[in-house]
PDB file of N, CA and C in Angstrom:
ATOM      1  N   MET A   1      10.445  -1.468  -6.773  1.00  0.00           N
ATOM      2  CA  MET A   1       9.114  -1.121  -6.411  1.00  0.00           C
ATOM      3  C   MET A   1       8.925   0.393  -6.660  1.00  0.00           C
ATOM      4  N   SER A   2       7.772   0.579  -6.845  1.00  0.00           N
ATOM      5  CA  SER A   2       7.306   2.003  -7.113  1.00  0.00           C
ATOM      6  C   SER A   2       6.128   2.252  -6.327  1.00  0.00           C
ATOM      7  N   ILE A   3       5.736   3.529  -6.021  1.00  0.00           N
ATOM      8  CA  ILE A   3       4.405   3.794  -5.440  1.00  0.00           C
ATOM      9  C   ILE A   3       3.783   4.925  -6.260  1.00  0.00           C
ATOM     10  N   SER A   4       2.515   5.086  -6.219  1.00  0.00           N
ATOM     11  CA  SER A   4       1.770   6.247  -6.757  1.00  0.00           C
ATOM     12  C   SER A   4       0.702   6.643  -5.637  1.00  0.00           C
ATOM     13  N   ASN A   5       0.549   7.870  -5.575  1.00  0.00           N
ATOM     14  CA  ASN A   5      -0.567   8.464  -4.616  1.00  0.00           C
ATOM     15  C   ASN A   5      -1.463   9.372  -5.454  1.00  0.00           C
ATOM     16  N   ASN A   6      -2.912   9.042  -5.265  1.00  0.00           N
ATOM     17  CA  ASN A   6      -3.862   9.741  -5.999  1.00  0.00           C
ATOM     18  C   ASN A   6      -5.108  10.032  -5.226  1.00  0.00           C
ATOM     19  N   LEU A   7      -5.556  11.123  -5.257  1.00  0.00           N
ATOM     20  CA  LEU A   7      -6.928  11.585  -4.530  1.00  0.00           C
ATOM     21  C   LEU A   7      -7.934  11.080  -5.510  1.00  0.00           C
ATOM     22  N   ILE A   8      -8.902  10.285  -4.993  1.00  0.00           N
ATOM     23  CA  ILE A   8      -9.917   9.701  -5.751  1.00  0.00           C
ATOM     24  C   ILE A   8     -11.146  10.551  -5.813  1.00  0.00           C
ATOM     25  N   GLY A   9     -11.542  11.061  -7.163  1.00  0.00           N
ATOM     26  CA  GLY A   9     -12.725  11.808  -7.243  1.00  0.00           C
ATOM     27  C   GLY A   9     -13.863  11.079  -7.805  1.00  0.00           C
ATOM     28  N   SER A  10     -14.873  11.855  -8.320  1.00  0.00           N
ATOM     29  CA  SER A  10     -16.091  11.198  -8.805  1.00  0.00           C
ATOM     30  C   SER A  10     -15.919  10.734 -10.199  1.00  0.00           C
ATOM     31  N   THR A  11     -14.832  10.969 -10.856  1.00  0.00           N
ATOM     32  CA  THR A  11     -14.608  10.508 -12.253  1.00  0.00           C
ATOM     33  C   THR A  11     -13.312   9.447 -12.167  1.00  0.00           C
ATOM     34  N   ALA A  12     -13.207   8.543 -13.026  1.00  0.00           N
ATOM     35  CA  ALA A  12     -12.268   7.487 -12.874  1.00  0.00           C
ATOM     36  C   ALA A  12     -10.889   8.047 -12.834  1.00  0.00           C
ATOM     37  N   THR A  13     -10.079   7.570 -11.881  1.00  0.00           N
ATOM     38  CA  THR A  13      -8.640   8.027 -11.792  1.00  0.00           C
ATOM     39  C   THR A  13      -7.771   6.802 -12.042  1.00  0.00           C
ATOM     40  N   ALA A  14      -6.797   6.975 -12.911  1.00  0.00           N
ATOM     41  CA  ALA A  14      -5.798   5.805 -13.226  1.00  0.00           C
ATOM     42  C   ALA A  14      -4.843   5.752 -11.987  1.00  0.00           C
ATOM     43  N   LEU A  15      -4.822   4.677 -11.281  1.00  0.00           N
ATOM     44  CA  LEU A  15      -3.899   4.426 -10.177  1.00  0.00           C
ATOM     45  C   LEU A  15      -2.539   3.989 -10.679  1.00  0.00           C
ATOM     46  N   VAL A  16      -2.642   3.116 -11.530  1.00  0.00           N
ATOM     47  CA  VAL A  16      -1.415   2.526 -12.153  1.00  0.00           C
ATOM     48  C   VAL A  16      -1.718   2.141 -13.538  1.00  0.00           C
ATOM     49  N   THR A  17      -0.712   2.259 -14.495  1.00  0.00           N
ATOM     50  CA  THR A  17      -0.935   1.872 -15.929  1.00  0.00           C
ATOM     51  C   THR A  17       0.273   0.963 -16.172  1.00  0.00           C
ATOM     52  N   GLY A  18      -0.028  -0.160 -16.864  1.00  0.00           N
ATOM     53  CA  GLY A  18       1.004  -1.114 -17.197  1.00  0.00           C
ATOM     54  C   GLY A  18       2.028  -0.694 -17.971  1.00  0.00           C
ATOM     55  N   ALA A  19       3.281  -0.975 -17.696  1.00  0.00           N
ATOM     56  CA  ALA A  19       4.466  -0.601 -18.548  1.00  0.00           C
ATOM     57  C   ALA A  19       4.523  -1.495 -19.668  1.00  0.00           C
ATOM     58  N   ALA A  20       5.532  -1.288 -20.535  1.00  0.00           N
ATOM     59  CA  ALA A  20       5.639  -2.121 -21.854  1.00  0.00           C
ATOM     60  C   ALA A  20       5.829  -3.560 -21.602  1.00  0.00           C
ATOM     61  N   GLY A  21       6.579  -3.874 -20.519  1.00  0.00           N
ATOM     62  CA  GLY A  21       6.794  -5.247 -20.138  1.00  0.00           C
ATOM     63  C   GLY A  21       5.779  -5.712 -19.204  1.00  0.00           C
ATOM     64  N   GLY A  22       4.826  -5.099 -18.825  1.00  0.00           N
ATOM     65  CA  GLY A  22       3.888  -5.487 -17.757  1.00  0.00           C
ATOM     66  C   GLY A  22       4.184  -4.851 -16.328  1.00  0.00           C
ATOM     67  N   THR A  23       3.227  -4.985 -15.511  1.00  0.00           N
ATOM     68  CA  THR A  23       3.285  -4.204 -14.110  1.00  0.00           C
ATOM     69  C   THR A  23       2.604  -5.136 -13.264  1.00  0.00           C
ATOM     70  N   ALA A  24       3.203  -5.446 -12.040  1.00  0.00           N
ATOM     71  CA  ALA A  24       2.491  -6.313 -10.979  1.00  0.00           C
ATOM     72  C   ALA A  24       2.252  -5.266  -9.884  1.00  0.00           C
ATOM     73  N   VAL A  25       0.942  -5.155  -9.656  1.00  0.00           N
ATOM     74  CA  VAL A  25       0.372  -4.365  -8.606  1.00  0.00           C
ATOM     75  C   VAL A  25       0.338  -5.332  -7.242  1.00  0.00           C
ATOM     76  N   THR A  26       1.140  -4.927  -6.282  1.00  0.00           N
ATOM     77  CA  THR A  26       1.233  -5.683  -5.115  1.00  0.00           C
ATOM     78  C   THR A  26       0.157  -5.450  -3.998  1.00  0.00           C
ATOM     79  N   THR A  27      -0.027  -4.041  -3.758  1.00  0.00           N
ATOM     80  CA  THR A  27      -0.918  -3.635  -2.790  1.00  0.00           C
ATOM     81  C   THR A  27      -1.433  -2.279  -3.073  1.00  0.00           C
ATOM     82  N   VAL A  28      -2.691  -2.026  -2.692  1.00  0.00           N
ATOM     83  CA  VAL A  28      -3.310  -0.734  -2.812  1.00  0.00           C
ATOM     84  C   VAL A  28      -3.941  -0.282  -1.577  1.00  0.00           C
ATOM     85  N   PHE A  29      -3.672   0.790  -0.985  1.00  0.00           N
ATOM     86  CA  PHE A  29      -4.390   1.342   0.261  1.00  0.00           C
ATOM     87  C   PHE A  29      -5.306   2.414  -0.107  1.00  0.00           C
ATOM     88  N   PHE A  30      -6.578   2.342   0.200  1.00  0.00           N
ATOM     89  CA  PHE A  30      -7.530   3.354   0.078  1.00  0.00           C
ATOM     90  C   PHE A  30      -7.888   4.010   1.491  1.00  0.00           C
ATOM     91  N   CYS A  31      -7.338   5.234   1.683  1.00  0.00           N
ATOM     92  CA  CYS A  31      -7.399   5.843   2.996  1.00  0.00           C
ATOM     93  C   CYS A  31      -8.510   6.843   2.956  1.00  0.00           C
ATOM     94  N   ASN A  32      -9.512   6.804   3.760  1.00  0.00           N
ATOM     95  CA  ASN A  32     -10.631   7.917   3.792  1.00  0.00           C
ATOM     96  C   ASN A  32     -10.134   8.938   4.909  1.00  0.00           C
ATOM     97  N   ASN A  33      -9.732  10.172   4.539  1.00  0.00           N
ATOM     98  CA  ASN A  33      -9.273  11.164   5.357  1.00  0.00           C
ATOM     99  C   ASN A  33     -10.481  12.065   5.866  1.00  0.00           C
ATOM    100  N   SER A  34     -11.653  11.823   5.432  1.00  0.00           N
ATOM    101  CA  SER A  34     -12.741  12.798   5.914  1.00  0.00           C
ATOM    102  C   SER A  34     -13.412  12.272   7.241  1.00  0.00           C
ATOM    103  N   ALA A  35     -14.374  13.033   7.508  1.00  0.00           N
ATOM    104  CA  ALA A  35     -15.190  12.822   8.772  1.00  0.00           C
ATOM    105  C   ALA A  35     -16.463  12.074   8.358  1.00  0.00           C
ATOM    106  N   ASP A  36     -16.593  11.776   7.015  1.00  0.00           N
ATOM    107  CA  ASP A  36     -17.759  11.108   6.463  1.00  0.00           C
ATOM    108  C   ASP A  36     -17.343   9.649   5.923  1.00  0.00           C
ATOM    109  N   THR A  37     -18.312   8.650   5.915  1.00  0.00           N
ATOM    110  CA  THR A  37     -18.100   7.600   5.105  1.00  0.00           C
ATOM    111  C   THR A  37     -17.865   7.741   3.660  1.00  0.00           C
ATOM    112  N   ALA A  38     -17.078   7.058   3.043  1.00  0.00           N
ATOM    113  CA  ALA A  38     -16.785   7.201   1.550  1.00  0.00           C
ATOM    114  C   ALA A  38     -17.100   5.958   0.904  1.00  0.00           C
ATOM    115  N   THR A  39     -17.650   5.846  -0.341  1.00  0.00           N
ATOM    116  CA  THR A  39     -17.842   4.801  -1.164  1.00  0.00           C
ATOM    117  C   THR A  39     -17.058   4.877  -2.480  1.00  0.00           C
ATOM    118  N   ILE A  40     -16.337   3.788  -2.764  1.00  0.00           N
ATOM    119  CA  ILE A  40     -15.451   3.673  -3.893  1.00  0.00           C
ATOM    120  C   ILE A  40     -15.800   2.555  -4.867  1.00  0.00           C
ATOM    121  N   ASP A  41     -15.466   2.732  -6.162  1.00  0.00           N
ATOM    122  CA  ASP A  41     -15.539   1.470  -7.054  1.00  0.00           C
ATOM    123  C   ASP A  41     -14.060   1.363  -7.561  1.00  0.00           C
ATOM    124  N   VAL A  42     -13.656   0.213  -7.973  1.00  0.00           N
ATOM    125  CA  VAL A  42     -12.280  -0.106  -8.531  1.00  0.00           C
ATOM    126  C   VAL A  42     -12.461  -0.917  -9.639  1.00  0.00           C
ATOM    127  N   PHE A  43     -11.745  -0.483 -10.754  1.00  0.00           N
ATOM    128  CA  PHE A  43     -11.852  -1.118 -12.076  1.00  0.00           C
ATOM    129  C   PHE A  43     -10.442  -1.630 -12.639  1.00  0.00           C
ATOM    130  N   ILE A  44     -10.454  -2.664 -13.518  1.00  0.00           N
ATOM    131  CA  ILE A  44      -9.309  -2.822 -14.399  1.00  0.00           C
ATOM    132  C   ILE A  44      -9.743  -2.774 -15.805  1.00  0.00           C
ATOM    133  N   ALA A  45      -9.004  -2.051 -16.650  1.00  0.00           N
ATOM    134  CA  ALA A  45      -9.440  -1.831 -17.995  1.00  0.00           C
ATOM    135  C   ALA A  45      -8.251  -2.128 -19.027  1.00  0.00           C
ATOM    136  N   LEU A  46      -8.590  -2.816 -19.903  1.00  0.00           N
ATOM    137  CA  LEU A  46      -7.701  -3.246 -20.886  1.00  0.00           C
ATOM    138  C   LEU A  46      -7.065  -1.902 -21.683  1.00  0.00           C
ATOM    139  N   SER A  47      -5.919  -2.112 -22.205  1.00  0.00           N
ATOM    140  CA  SER A  47      -5.343  -1.027 -22.941  1.00  0.00           C
ATOM    141  C   SER A  47      -6.305  -0.684 -24.083  1.00  0.00           C
ATOM    142  N   GLY A  48      -6.403   0.708 -24.272  1.00  0.00           N
ATOM    143  CA  GLY A  48      -7.259   1.159 -25.329  1.00  0.00           C
ATOM    144  C   GLY A  48      -8.689   1.515 -25.032  1.00  0.00           C
ATOM    145  N   GLU A  49      -9.057   1.011 -23.716  1.00  0.00           N
ATOM    146  CA  GLU A  49     -10.452   1.407 -23.202  1.00  0.00           C
ATOM    147  C   GLU A  49     -10.450   2.599 -22.549  1.00  0.00           C
ATOM    148  N   GLY A  50     -11.243   3.765 -23.055  1.00  0.00           N
ATOM    149  CA  GLY A  50     -11.199   5.118 -22.486  1.00  0.00           C
ATOM    150  C   GLY A  50     -11.757   5.117 -21.041  1.00  0.00           C
ATOM    151  N   ALA A  51     -11.321   6.082 -20.438  1.00  0.00           N
ATOM    152  CA  ALA A  51     -11.850   6.452 -18.928  1.00  0.00           C
ATOM    153  C   ALA A  51     -13.354   6.807 -18.967  1.00  0.00           C
ATOM    154  N   LYS A  52     -13.896   7.328 -20.056  1.00  0.00           N
ATOM    155  CA  LYS A  52     -15.232   7.920 -20.075  1.00  0.00           C
ATOM    156  C   LYS A  52     -15.941   7.373 -21.238  1.00  0.00           C
ATOM    157  N   ASP A  53     -17.299   7.422 -21.177  1.00  0.00           N
ATOM    158  CA  ASP A  53     -18.082   6.975 -22.447  1.00  0.00           C
ATOM    159  C   ASP A  53     -17.613   7.956 -23.569  1.00  0.00           C
ATOM    160  N   GLY A  54     -17.590   7.179 -24.907  1.00  0.00           N
ATOM    161  CA  GLY A  54     -17.328   7.878 -25.951  1.00  0.00           C
ATOM    162  C   GLY A  54     -15.841   8.153 -26.219  1.00  0.00           C
ATOM    163  N   ASP A  55     -14.974   7.580 -25.392  1.00  0.00           N
ATOM    164  CA  ASP A  55     -13.625   7.805 -25.542  1.00  0.00           C
ATOM    165  C   ASP A  55     -12.847   6.468 -25.764  1.00  0.00           C
ATOM    166  N   GLY A  56     -13.406   5.807 -26.773  1.00  0.00           N
ATOM    167  CA  GLY A  56     -12.821   4.429 -27.117  1.00  0.00           C
ATOM    168  C   GLY A  56     -13.314   3.338 -26.305  1.00  0.00           C
ATOM    169  N   GLY A  57     -14.340   3.541 -25.362  1.00  0.00           N
ATOM    170  CA  GLY A  57     -14.859   2.578 -24.466  1.00  0.00           C
ATOM    171  C   GLY A  57     -15.068   3.222 -23.200  1.00  0.00           C
ATOM    172  N   ASP A  58     -15.729   2.331 -22.307  1.00  0.00           N
ATOM    173  CA  ASP A  58     -16.146   2.801 -20.955  1.00  0.00           C
ATOM    174  C   ASP A  58     -15.501   1.989 -19.941  1.00  0.00           C
ATOM    175  N   SER A  59     -14.294   2.337 -19.472  1.00  0.00           N
ATOM    176  CA  SER A  59     -13.513   1.472 -18.476  1.00  0.00           C
ATOM    177  C   SER A  59     -14.151   1.387 -17.194  1.00  0.00           C
ATOM    178  N   THR A  60     -15.182   2.194 -16.994  1.00  0.00           N
ATOM    179  CA  THR A  60     -15.895   2.036 -15.678  1.00  0.00           C
ATOM    180  C   THR A  60     -17.303   1.233 -15.730  1.00  0.00           C
ATOM    181  N   ALA A  61     -17.217   0.524 -16.839  1.00  0.00           N
ATOM    182  CA  ALA A  61     -18.422  -0.252 -17.019  1.00  0.00           C
ATOM    183  C   ALA A  61     -18.398  -1.484 -16.152  1.00  0.00           C
ATOM    184  N   ASP A  62     -19.510  -2.124 -15.868  1.00  0.00           N
ATOM    185  CA  ASP A  62     -19.530  -3.341 -14.915  1.00  0.00           C
ATOM    186  C   ASP A  62     -18.696  -4.440 -15.373  1.00  0.00           C
ATOM    187  N   ALA A  63     -18.504  -4.516 -16.559  1.00  0.00           N
ATOM    188  CA  ALA A  63     -17.568  -5.482 -17.227  1.00  0.00           C
ATOM    189  C   ALA A  63     -16.133  -5.397 -16.677  1.00  0.00           C
ATOM    190  N   ASN A  64     -15.793  -4.246 -16.242  1.00  0.00           N
ATOM    191  CA  ASN A  64     -14.357  -4.046 -15.743  1.00  0.00           C
ATOM    192  C   ASN A  64     -14.170  -3.832 -14.245  1.00  0.00           C
ATOM    193  N   ILE A  65     -15.336  -3.934 -13.589  1.00  0.00           N
ATOM    194  CA  ILE A  65     -15.401  -3.685 -12.131  1.00  0.00           C
ATOM    195  C   ILE A  65     -14.828  -4.859 -11.257  1.00  0.00           C
ATOM    196  N   ILE A  66     -13.872  -4.639 -10.313  1.00  0.00           N
ATOM    197  CA  ILE A  66     -13.431  -5.626  -9.468  1.00  0.00           C
ATOM    198  C   ILE A  66     -13.770  -5.490  -8.125  1.00  0.00           C
ATOM    199  N   LEU A  67     -14.105  -4.222  -7.608  1.00  0.00           N
ATOM    200  CA  LEU A  67     -14.642  -3.894  -6.380  1.00  0.00           C
ATOM    201  C   LEU A  67     -15.805  -2.899  -6.572  1.00  0.00           C
ATOM    202  N   LYS A  68     -17.020  -3.209  -6.021  1.00  0.00           N
ATOM    203  CA  LYS A  68     -18.195  -2.236  -6.231  1.00  0.00           C
ATOM    204  C   LYS A  68     -18.667  -1.855  -4.825  1.00  0.00           C
ATOM    205  N   SER A  69     -18.833  -0.576  -4.804  1.00  0.00           N
ATOM    206  CA  SER A  69     -19.526   0.064  -3.613  1.00  0.00           C
ATOM    207  C   SER A  69     -18.803  -0.224  -2.305  1.00  0.00           C
ATOM    208  N   ILE A  70     -17.506  -0.243  -2.298  1.00  0.00           N
ATOM    209  CA  ILE A  70     -16.754  -0.388  -1.174  1.00  0.00           C
ATOM    210  C   ILE A  70     -16.954   0.830  -0.237  1.00  0.00           C
ATOM    211  N   SER A  71     -17.447   0.565   1.053  1.00  0.00           N
ATOM    212  CA  SER A  71     -17.660   1.487   1.978  1.00  0.00           C
ATOM    213  C   SER A  71     -16.557   1.563   2.973  1.00  0.00           C
ATOM    214  N   ILE A  72     -15.906   2.860   2.974  1.00  0.00           N
ATOM    215  CA  ILE A  72     -14.754   3.106   3.908  1.00  0.00           C
ATOM    216  C   ILE A  72     -15.091   4.046   4.993  1.00  0.00           C
ATOM    217  N   ASN A  73     -15.155   3.561   6.231  1.00  0.00           N
ATOM    218  CA  ASN A  73     -15.430   4.579   7.361  1.00  0.00           C
ATOM    219  C   ASN A  73     -14.601   5.705   7.460  1.00  0.00           C
ATOM    220  N   SER A  74     -15.120   6.770   8.114  1.00  0.00           N
ATOM    221  CA  SER A  74     -14.299   7.928   8.484  1.00  0.00           C
ATOM    222  C   SER A  74     -12.914   7.501   9.052  1.00  0.00           C
ATOM    223  N   LEU A  75     -11.871   8.082   8.490  1.00  0.00           N
ATOM    224  CA  LEU A  75     -10.513   7.986   9.039  1.00  0.00           C
ATOM    225  C   LEU A  75     -10.116   6.444   9.031  1.00  0.00           C
ATOM    226  N   ASP A  76     -10.610   5.618   8.107  1.00  0.00           N
ATOM    227  CA  ASP A  76     -10.247   4.131   8.007  1.00  0.00           C
ATOM    228  C   ASP A  76      -9.592   3.897   6.740  1.00  0.00           C
ATOM    229  N   THR A  77      -9.016   2.729   6.652  1.00  0.00           N
ATOM    230  CA  THR A  77      -8.304   2.376   5.321  1.00  0.00           C
ATOM    231  C   THR A  77      -8.681   0.991   4.870  1.00  0.00           C
ATOM    232  N   TYR A  78      -8.974   0.860   3.584  1.00  0.00           N
ATOM    233  CA  TYR A  78      -9.355  -0.425   3.028  1.00  0.00           C
ATOM    234  C   TYR A  78      -8.097  -0.842   2.170  1.00  0.00           C
ATOM    235  N   ILE A  79      -7.657  -2.127   2.323  1.00  0.00           N
ATOM    236  CA  ILE A  79      -6.431  -2.596   1.772  1.00  0.00           C
ATOM    237  C   ILE A  79      -6.776  -3.655   0.695  1.00  0.00           C
ATOM    238  N   LEU A  80      -6.325  -3.416  -0.541  1.00  0.00           N
ATOM    239  CA  LEU A  80      -6.389  -4.365  -1.564  1.00  0.00           C
ATOM    240  C   LEU A  80      -5.169  -5.136  -1.721  1.00  0.00           C
ATOM    241  N   ASP A  81      -4.927  -6.483  -1.063  1.00  0.00           N
ATOM    242  CA  ASP A  81      -3.742  -7.088  -1.184  1.00  0.00           C
ATOM    243  C   ASP A  81      -3.891  -8.603  -1.235  1.00  0.00           C
ATOM    244  N   THR A  82      -5.037  -9.093  -1.387  1.00  0.00           N
ATOM    245  CA  THR A  82      -5.200 -10.523  -1.401  1.00  0.00           C
ATOM    246  C   THR A  82      -4.579 -11.185  -2.541  1.00  0.00           C
ATOM    247  N   GLU A  83      -4.573 -10.475  -3.650  1.00  0.00           N
ATOM    248  CA  GLU A  83      -4.051 -11.330  -4.944  1.00  0.00           C
ATOM    249  C   GLU A  83      -3.274 -10.140  -5.702  1.00  0.00           C
ATOM    250  N   LYS A  84      -2.011 -10.475  -6.260  1.00  0.00           N
ATOM    251  CA  LYS A  84      -1.414  -9.596  -7.017  1.00  0.00           C
ATOM    252  C   LYS A  84      -2.084  -9.390  -8.356  1.00  0.00           C
ATOM    253  N   ILE A  85      -2.110  -8.219  -9.023  1.00  0.00           N
ATOM    254  CA  ILE A  85      -2.655  -7.979 -10.294  1.00  0.00           C
ATOM    255  C   ILE A  85      -1.545  -7.654 -11.180  1.00  0.00           C
ATOM    256  N   ILE A  86      -1.649  -8.521 -12.312  1.00  0.00           N
ATOM    257  CA  ILE A  86      -0.592  -8.255 -13.449  1.00  0.00           C
ATOM    258  C   ILE A  86      -1.382  -7.447 -14.516  1.00  0.00           C
ATOM    259  N   LEU A  87      -0.954  -6.378 -14.823  1.00  0.00           N
ATOM    260  CA  LEU A  87      -1.367  -5.383 -15.897  1.00  0.00           C
ATOM    261  C   LEU A  87      -0.446  -5.545 -17.108  1.00  0.00           C
ATOM    262  N   GLY A  88      -1.091  -5.706 -18.189  1.00  0.00           N
ATOM    263  CA  GLY A  88      -0.227  -5.839 -19.530  1.00  0.00           C
ATOM    264  C   GLY A  88      -0.022  -4.278 -19.919  1.00  0.00           C
ATOM    265  N   SER A  89       0.775  -4.172 -21.000  1.00  0.00           N
ATOM    266  CA  SER A  89       1.185  -2.816 -21.543  1.00  0.00           C
ATOM    267  C   SER A  89      -0.108  -2.027 -21.740  1.00  0.00           C
ATOM    268  N   GLY A  90      -0.132  -0.878 -21.136  1.00  0.00           N
ATOM    269  CA  GLY A  90      -1.184   0.085 -21.243  1.00  0.00           C
ATOM    270  C   GLY A  90      -2.543  -0.215 -20.518  1.00  0.00           C
ATOM    271  N   ASP A  91      -2.659  -1.376 -19.936  1.00  0.00           N
ATOM    272  CA  ASP A  91      -3.883  -1.763 -19.000  1.00  0.00           C
ATOM    273  C   ASP A  91      -3.893  -0.819 -17.772  1.00  0.00           C
ATOM    274  N   ARG A  92      -4.863  -0.504 -17.330  1.00  0.00           N
ATOM    275  CA  ARG A  92      -5.021   0.366 -16.094  1.00  0.00           C
ATOM    276  C   ARG A  92      -5.850  -0.119 -14.939  1.00  0.00           C
ATOM    277  N   LEU A  93      -5.262   0.193 -13.727  1.00  0.00           N
ATOM    278  CA  LEU A  93      -6.054  -0.014 -12.629  1.00  0.00           C
ATOM    279  C   LEU A  93      -6.661   1.463 -12.111  1.00  0.00           C
ATOM    280  N   LEU A  94      -7.922   1.434 -12.117  1.00  0.00           N
ATOM    281  CA  LEU A  94      -8.646   2.827 -11.816  1.00  0.00           C
ATOM    282  C   LEU A  94      -9.574   2.751 -10.666  1.00  0.00           C
ATOM    283  N   ALA A  95      -9.852   3.784 -10.046  1.00  0.00           N
ATOM    284  CA  ALA A  95     -10.789   3.958  -8.908  1.00  0.00           C
ATOM    285  C   ALA A  95     -11.688   5.256  -9.149  1.00  0.00           C
ATOM    286  N   GLN A  96     -12.835   5.212  -8.714  1.00  0.00           N
ATOM    287  CA  GLN A  96     -13.623   6.588  -8.444  1.00  0.00           C
ATOM    288  C   GLN A  96     -14.604   6.459  -7.262  1.00  0.00           C
ATOM    289  N   ALA A  97     -14.782   7.609  -6.675  1.00  0.00           N
ATOM    290  CA  ALA A  97     -15.632   7.763  -5.615  1.00  0.00           C
ATOM    291  C   ALA A  97     -17.143   7.603  -6.271  1.00  0.00           C
ATOM    292  N   ALA A  98     -17.967   6.854  -5.558  1.00  0.00           N
ATOM    293  CA  ALA A  98     -19.356   6.597  -6.036  1.00  0.00           C
ATOM    294  C   ALA A  98     -20.075   7.840  -5.611  1.00  0.00           C
ATOM    295  N   ASP A  99     -19.644   8.534  -4.681  1.00  0.00           N
ATOM    296  CA  ASP A  99     -20.321   9.774  -4.274  1.00  0.00           C
ATOM    297  C   ASP A  99     -19.311  10.713  -3.763  1.00  0.00           C
ATOM    298  N   SER A 100     -19.742  11.961  -3.437  1.00  0.00           N
ATOM    299  CA  SER A 100     -18.705  12.912  -2.965  1.00  0.00           C
ATOM    300  C   SER A 100     -18.609  13.144  -1.446  1.00  0.00           C
ATOM    301  N   SER A 101     -19.036  12.147  -0.708  1.00  0.00           N
ATOM    302  CA  SER A 101     -19.205  12.236   0.698  1.00  0.00           C
ATOM    303  C   SER A 101     -17.746  12.136   1.516  1.00  0.00           C
ATOM    304  N   GLY A 102     -16.786  11.529   0.740  1.00  0.00           N
ATOM    305  CA  GLY A 102     -15.546  11.291   1.405  1.00  0.00           C
ATOM    306  C   GLY A 102     -14.233  11.759   0.669  1.00  0.00           C
ATOM    307  N   GLN A 103     -13.146  11.738   1.314  1.00  0.00           N
ATOM    308  CA  GLN A 103     -11.997  12.151   0.522  1.00  0.00           C
ATOM    309  C   GLN A 103     -11.030  10.965   0.689  1.00  0.00           C
ATOM    310  N   VAL A 104     -10.821  10.160  -0.377  1.00  0.00           N
ATOM    311  CA  VAL A 104     -10.096   9.064  -0.320  1.00  0.00           C
ATOM    312  C   VAL A 104      -8.820   9.106  -1.150  1.00  0.00           C
ATOM    313  N   VAL A 105      -7.679   8.836  -0.560  1.00  0.00           N
ATOM    314  CA  VAL A 105      -6.402   8.784  -1.048  1.00  0.00           C
ATOM    315  C   VAL A 105      -6.092   7.229  -1.499  1.00  0.00           C
ATOM    316  N   ALA A 106      -5.634   7.044  -2.619  1.00  0.00           N
ATOM    317  CA  ALA A 106      -5.203   5.804  -3.051  1.00  0.00           C
ATOM    318  C   ALA A 106      -3.756   5.678  -3.164  1.00  0.00           C
ATOM    319  N   THR A 107      -2.936   4.678  -2.418  1.00  0.00           N
ATOM    320  CA  THR A 107      -1.607   4.545  -2.510  1.00  0.00           C
ATOM    321  C   THR A 107      -1.343   3.061  -3.084  1.00  0.00           C
ATOM    322  N   ALA A 108      -0.677   3.085  -4.215  1.00  0.00           N
ATOM    323  CA  ALA A 108      -0.461   1.791  -4.852  1.00  0.00           C
ATOM    324  C   ALA A 108       0.963   1.555  -4.917  1.00  0.00           C
ATOM    325  N   SER A 109       1.332   0.293  -4.553  1.00  0.00           N
ATOM    326  CA  SER A 109       2.665  -0.358  -4.581  1.00  0.00           C
ATOM    327  C   SER A 109       2.712  -1.165  -5.796  1.00  0.00           C
ATOM    328  N   PHE A 110       3.600  -0.953  -6.602  1.00  0.00           N
ATOM    329  CA  PHE A 110       3.707  -1.826  -7.913  1.00  0.00           C
ATOM    330  C   PHE A 110       5.159  -2.075  -8.438  1.00  0.00           C
ATOM    331  N   LEU A 111       5.356  -3.014  -9.341  1.00  0.00           N
ATOM    332  CA  LEU A 111       6.763  -3.274  -9.830  1.00  0.00           C
ATOM    333  C   LEU A 111       6.497  -3.422 -11.286  1.00  0.00           C
ATOM    334  N   ASN A 112       7.243  -2.693 -12.162  1.00  0.00           N
ATOM    335  CA  ASN A 112       7.465  -2.864 -13.453  1.00  0.00           C
ATOM    336  C   ASN A 112       8.080  -4.146 -13.850  1.00  0.00           C
ATOM    337  N   LEU A 113       7.703  -5.006 -14.707  1.00  0.00           N
ATOM    338  CA  LEU A 113       8.241  -6.202 -15.081  1.00  0.00           C
ATOM    339  C   LEU A 113       9.330  -6.034 -16.170  1.00  0.00           C
TER     340      LEU A 113
END
């Protein structure tokens, strides 16, 4: 098992990238460390889709969204653990803050297959 920690900004941040043999994402914690409510979006993008418009695709398009406008109260945590996510080689799990009102840290637990 491995973990990754990322501060989520207003542009898409890759939380986990699928290894050559695939990767199982077991749990992701989104912790809002600020005094304000934060809103985040979470995406899964296939290998080769860019993180921004014009970069081989738009990984933040609605076609890739799995959680939209998730509101996380001040000093609270949202946990994504209902279903395991299997990423293929180069596929990415990404998140971005929908606004700049909060400071969210994403901690992902995953296993390379």
